[in-house]
């Protein structure tokens, strides 16, 4: 198994909330990159290949749902929406777009830590599966 830390992308336009989330996520053994807009998040998504995206629902140039649509069905990226503007409609939409959870502000730290642990386990399993598939390909058909 690799000793590299999983990468989390935090997308939050409020500086103090972004910094607090980044500190909490780093404490859970993640490498953290942050964005304050949808455009910046899309660029970092391509550049940093995060395993986890924590995004605010309301951003200055779009929504967290727009970012979820950009991520699409990428099995290597798990997304969590965090919002102070919760509604049943937005929760249903973000979960339909692939978010694994929908958190309201102020964030329940215990619940977020549980999500972070779960994503880390899942990322480690995906990495192990990729490694095993590579090993099997090297062995050939009749290995």
C-alpha atoms as a PDB file:
ATOM      1  CA  UNK A   1       0.000   0.000   0.000  1.00  0.00           C
ATOM      2  CA  UNK A   2       1.097   3.515  -0.780  1.00  0.00           C
ATOM      3  CA  UNK A   3       1.979   5.897   2.038  1.00  0.00           C
ATOM      4  CA  UNK A   4       0.726   8.863   0.017  1.00  0.00           C
ATOM      5  CA  UNK A   5      -2.056  10.800   1.648  1.00  0.00           C
ATOM      6  CA  UNK A   6      -5.430  10.889  -0.066  1.00  0.00           C
ATOM      7  CA  UNK A   7      -6.227  14.320  -1.524  1.00  0.00           C
ATOM      8  CA  UNK A   8      -9.285  16.336  -0.513  1.00  0.00           C
ATOM      9  CA  UNK A   9     -10.500  19.344  -2.500  1.00  0.00           C
ATOM     10  CA  UNK A  10     -12.417  21.829  -0.368  1.00  0.00           C
ATOM     11  CA  UNK A  11     -14.599  24.292  -2.283  1.00  0.00           C
ATOM     12  CA  UNK A  12     -15.909  27.064  -0.050  1.00  0.00           C
ATOM     13  CA  UNK A  13     -16.180  30.787  -0.769  1.00  0.00           C
ATOM     14  CA  UNK A  14     -16.125  31.814   2.910  1.00  0.00           C
ATOM     15  CA  UNK A  15     -12.454  32.076   3.893  1.00  0.00           C
ATOM     16  CA  UNK A  16     -12.853  31.235   7.596  1.00  0.00           C
ATOM     17  CA  UNK A  17     -15.088  28.224   6.860  1.00  0.00           C
ATOM     18  CA  UNK A  18     -12.643  27.035   4.164  1.00  0.00           C
ATOM     19  CA  UNK A  19      -9.671  27.301   6.524  1.00  0.00           C
ATOM     20  CA  UNK A  20     -11.511  25.548   9.372  1.00  0.00           C
ATOM     21  CA  UNK A  21     -12.564  22.690   7.090  1.00  0.00           C
ATOM     22  CA  UNK A  22      -9.038  22.413   5.689  1.00  0.00           C
ATOM     23  CA  UNK A  23      -7.569  22.151   9.189  1.00  0.00           C
ATOM     24  CA  UNK A  24     -10.071  19.476  10.237  1.00  0.00           C
ATOM     25  CA  UNK A  25      -9.480  17.456   7.051  1.00  0.00           C
ATOM     26  CA  UNK A  26      -5.670  17.719   7.397  1.00  0.00           C
ATOM     27  CA  UNK A  27      -6.007  16.443  10.978  1.00  0.00           C
ATOM     28  CA  UNK A  28      -7.604  13.306   9.504  1.00  0.00           C
ATOM     29  CA  UNK A  29      -4.457  12.616   7.393  1.00  0.00           C
ATOM     30  CA  UNK A  30      -5.473  14.110   4.058  1.00  0.00           C
ATOM     31  CA  UNK A  31      -3.526  16.351   1.721  1.00  0.00           C
ATOM     32  CA  UNK A  32      -5.759  19.386   1.174  1.00  0.00           C
ATOM     33  CA  UNK A  33      -6.240  21.746  -1.755  1.00  0.00           C
ATOM     34  CA  UNK A  34      -8.773  24.562  -1.559  1.00  0.00           C
ATOM     35  CA  UNK A  35     -10.813  26.635  -3.968  1.00  0.00           C
ATOM     36  CA  UNK A  36     -13.117  29.583  -3.422  1.00  0.00           C
ATOM     37  CA  UNK A  37     -15.009  29.399  -6.726  1.00  0.00           C
ATOM     38  CA  UNK A  38     -16.441  26.876  -9.163  1.00  0.00           C
ATOM     39  CA  UNK A  39     -13.921  27.828 -11.860  1.00  0.00           C
ATOM     40  CA  UNK A  40     -10.979  27.376  -9.494  1.00  0.00           C
ATOM     41  CA  UNK A  41     -12.424  24.065  -8.280  1.00  0.00           C
ATOM     42  CA  UNK A  42     -12.749  22.717 -11.834  1.00  0.00           C
ATOM     43  CA  UNK A  43      -9.094  23.544 -12.507  1.00  0.00           C
ATOM     44  CA  UNK A  44      -7.933  21.926  -9.247  1.00  0.00           C
ATOM     45  CA  UNK A  45     -10.101  18.884  -9.954  1.00  0.00           C
ATOM     46  CA  UNK A  46      -8.116  18.301 -13.131  1.00  0.00           C
ATOM     47  CA  UNK A  47      -4.717  19.178 -11.612  1.00  0.00           C
ATOM     48  CA  UNK A  48      -4.815  17.457  -8.216  1.00  0.00           C
ATOM     49  CA  UNK A  49      -6.939  14.305  -8.822  1.00  0.00           C
ATOM     50  CA  UNK A  50      -8.632  14.347  -5.395  1.00  0.00           C
ATOM     51  CA  UNK A  51     -10.273  11.309  -3.854  1.00  0.00           C
ATOM     52  CA  UNK A  52     -12.721  13.562  -1.975  1.00  0.00           C
ATOM     53  CA  UNK A  53     -14.471  16.818  -2.841  1.00  0.00           C
ATOM     54  CA  UNK A  54     -16.143  18.799  -0.057  1.00  0.00           C
ATOM     55  CA  UNK A  55     -18.134  21.555  -1.719  1.00  0.00           C
ATOM     56  CA  UNK A  56     -20.386  24.342  -0.580  1.00  0.00           C
ATOM     57  CA  UNK A  57     -23.702  24.359  -2.416  1.00  0.00           C
ATOM     58  CA  UNK A  58     -23.745  28.119  -3.123  1.00  0.00           C
ATOM     59  CA  UNK A  59     -20.626  29.483  -4.831  1.00  0.00           C
ATOM     60  CA  UNK A  60     -20.004  32.929  -6.332  1.00  0.00           C
ATOM     61  CA  UNK A  61     -19.903  31.614  -9.927  1.00  0.00           C
ATOM     62  CA  UNK A  62     -22.191  28.573  -9.760  1.00  0.00           C
ATOM     63  CA  UNK A  63     -23.226  25.775  -7.436  1.00  0.00           C
ATOM     64  CA  UNK A  64     -21.782  22.685  -5.854  1.00  0.00           C
ATOM     65  CA  UNK A  65     -24.266  20.746  -8.006  1.00  0.00           C
ATOM     66  CA  UNK A  66     -22.473  22.121 -11.102  1.00  0.00           C
ATOM     67  CA  UNK A  67     -19.239  20.684  -9.732  1.00  0.00           C
ATOM     68  CA  UNK A  68     -20.892  17.321  -9.054  1.00  0.00           C
ATOM     69  CA  UNK A  69     -22.087  17.249 -12.657  1.00  0.00           C
ATOM     70  CA  UNK A  70     -18.493  17.936 -13.753  1.00  0.00           C
ATOM     71  CA  UNK A  71     -17.218  15.018 -11.658  1.00  0.00           C
ATOM     72  CA  UNK A  72     -19.918  12.793 -13.115  1.00  0.00           C
ATOM     73  CA  UNK A  73     -19.508   9.088 -12.523  1.00  0.00           C
ATOM     74  CA  UNK A  74     -15.790   9.132 -11.694  1.00  0.00           C
ATOM     75  CA  UNK A  75     -15.551   6.246  -9.221  1.00  0.00           C
ATOM     76  CA  UNK A  76     -12.244   7.559  -7.859  1.00  0.00           C
ATOM     77  CA  UNK A  77     -13.811  10.815  -6.584  1.00  0.00           C
ATOM     78  CA  UNK A  78     -16.348  10.941  -3.774  1.00  0.00           C
ATOM     79  CA  UNK A  79     -18.244  14.152  -3.070  1.00  0.00           C
ATOM     80  CA  UNK A  80     -19.897  15.683  -0.036  1.00  0.00           C
ATOM     81  CA  UNK A  81     -22.057  18.812  -0.208  1.00  0.00           C
ATOM     82  CA  UNK A  82     -21.975  21.221   2.722  1.00  0.00           C
ATOM     83  CA  UNK A  83     -24.524  24.014   2.822  1.00  0.00           C
ATOM     84  CA  UNK A  84     -26.117  26.680   4.931  1.00  0.00           C
ATOM     85  CA  UNK A  85     -29.020  26.783   2.431  1.00  0.00           C
ATOM     86  CA  UNK A  86     -30.425  23.283   2.899  1.00  0.00           C
ATOM     87  CA  UNK A  87     -33.612  22.187   1.200  1.00  0.00           C
ATOM     88  CA  UNK A  88     -35.114  18.835   0.346  1.00  0.00           C
ATOM     89  CA  UNK A  89     -34.858  19.672  -3.376  1.00  0.00           C
ATOM     90  CA  UNK A  90     -31.157  20.515  -3.215  1.00  0.00           C
ATOM     91  CA  UNK A  91     -30.431  17.422  -1.106  1.00  0.00           C
ATOM     92  CA  UNK A  92     -32.219  15.166  -3.588  1.00  0.00           C
ATOM     93  CA  UNK A  93     -30.494  16.822  -6.564  1.00  0.00           C
ATOM     94  CA  UNK A  94     -26.983  16.544  -5.108  1.00  0.00           C
ATOM     95  CA  UNK A  95     -27.456  12.930  -4.048  1.00  0.00           C
ATOM     96  CA  UNK A  96     -28.834  12.134  -7.521  1.00  0.00           C
ATOM     97  CA  UNK A  97     -25.693  13.723  -8.996  1.00  0.00           C
ATOM     98  CA  UNK A  98     -23.521  11.358  -6.947  1.00  0.00           C
ATOM     99  CA  UNK A  99     -22.793  13.042  -3.615  1.00  0.00           C
ATOM    100  CA  UNK A 100     -22.215  10.490  -0.870  1.00  0.00           C
ATOM    101  CA  UNK A 101     -23.536  12.854   1.809  1.00  0.00           C
ATOM    102  CA  UNK A 102     -25.224  16.215   2.363  1.00  0.00           C
ATOM    103  CA  UNK A 103     -24.210  18.173   5.456  1.00  0.00           C
ATOM    104  CA  UNK A 104     -25.730  21.349   6.842  1.00  0.00           C
ATOM    105  CA  UNK A 105     -23.821  24.206   8.441  1.00  0.00           C
ATOM    106  CA  UNK A 106     -22.675  24.313  11.122  1.00  0.00           C
ATOM    107  CA  UNK A 107     -21.026  21.012  10.230  1.00  0.00           C
ATOM    108  CA  UNK A 108     -21.379  18.077  12.603  1.00  0.00           C
ATOM    109  CA  UNK A 109     -17.661  17.375  13.145  1.00  0.00           C
ATOM    110  CA  UNK A 110     -18.198  13.789  14.280  1.00  0.00           C
ATOM    111  CA  UNK A 111     -20.214  12.977  11.187  1.00  0.00           C
ATOM    112  CA  UNK A 112     -17.627  14.629   8.927  1.00  0.00           C
ATOM    113  CA  UNK A 113     -14.815  12.644  10.584  1.00  0.00           C
ATOM    114  CA  UNK A 114     -16.756   9.418   9.985  1.00  0.00           C
ATOM    115  CA  UNK A 115     -17.168  10.364   6.302  1.00  0.00           C
ATOM    116  CA  UNK A 116     -13.445  11.150   6.020  1.00  0.00           C
ATOM    117  CA  UNK A 117     -12.512   7.769   7.518  1.00  0.00           C
ATOM    118  CA  UNK A 118     -14.903   5.973   5.172  1.00  0.00           C
ATOM    119  CA  UNK A 119     -13.559   7.774   2.082  1.00  0.00           C
ATOM    120  CA  UNK A 120      -9.988   6.991   3.109  1.00  0.00           C
ATOM    121  CA  UNK A 121     -10.811   3.269   3.444  1.00  0.00           C
ATOM    122  CA  UNK A 122     -12.587   3.301   0.098  1.00  0.00           C
ATOM    123  CA  UNK A 123      -9.681   5.091  -1.627  1.00  0.00           C
ATOM    124  CA  UNK A 124      -7.238   2.553  -0.182  1.00  0.00           C
ATOM    125  CA  UNK A 125      -9.383  -0.335  -1.460  1.00  0.00           C
ATOM    126  CA  UNK A 126      -9.635   1.218  -4.944  1.00  0.00           C
ATOM    127  CA  UNK A 127      -5.852   1.666  -5.027  1.00  0.00           C
ATOM    128  CA  UNK A 128      -5.342  -1.964  -3.966  1.00  0.00           C
ATOM    129  CA  UNK A 129      -7.752  -3.186  -6.649  1.00  0.00           C
ATOM    130  CA  UNK A 130      -5.890  -1.166  -9.309  1.00  0.00           C
ATOM    131  CA  UNK A 131      -2.580  -2.605  -8.094  1.00  0.00           C
ATOM    132  CA  UNK A 132      -3.902  -6.166  -8.159  1.00  0.00           C
ATOM    133  CA  UNK A 133      -5.329  -5.716 -11.661  1.00  0.00           C
ATOM    134  CA  UNK A 134      -1.956  -4.409 -12.846  1.00  0.00           C
ATOM    135  CA  UNK A 135      -0.225  -7.416 -11.259  1.00  0.00           C
ATOM    136  CA  UNK A 136      -2.672  -9.785 -12.956  1.00  0.00           C
ATOM    137  CA  UNK A 137      -2.102  -8.143 -16.337  1.00  0.00           C
ATOM    138  CA  UNK A 138       1.659  -8.582 -15.891  1.00  0.00           C
ATOM    139  CA  UNK A 139       1.168 -12.280 -15.179  1.00  0.00           C
ATOM    140  CA  UNK A 140      -0.701 -12.724 -18.426  1.00  0.00           C
ATOM    141  CA  UNK A 141      -3.734 -14.750 -19.265  1.00  0.00           C
ATOM    142  CA  UNK A 142      -2.515 -18.048 -17.818  1.00  0.00           C
ATOM    143  CA  UNK A 143      -0.409 -16.526 -14.993  1.00  0.00           C
END
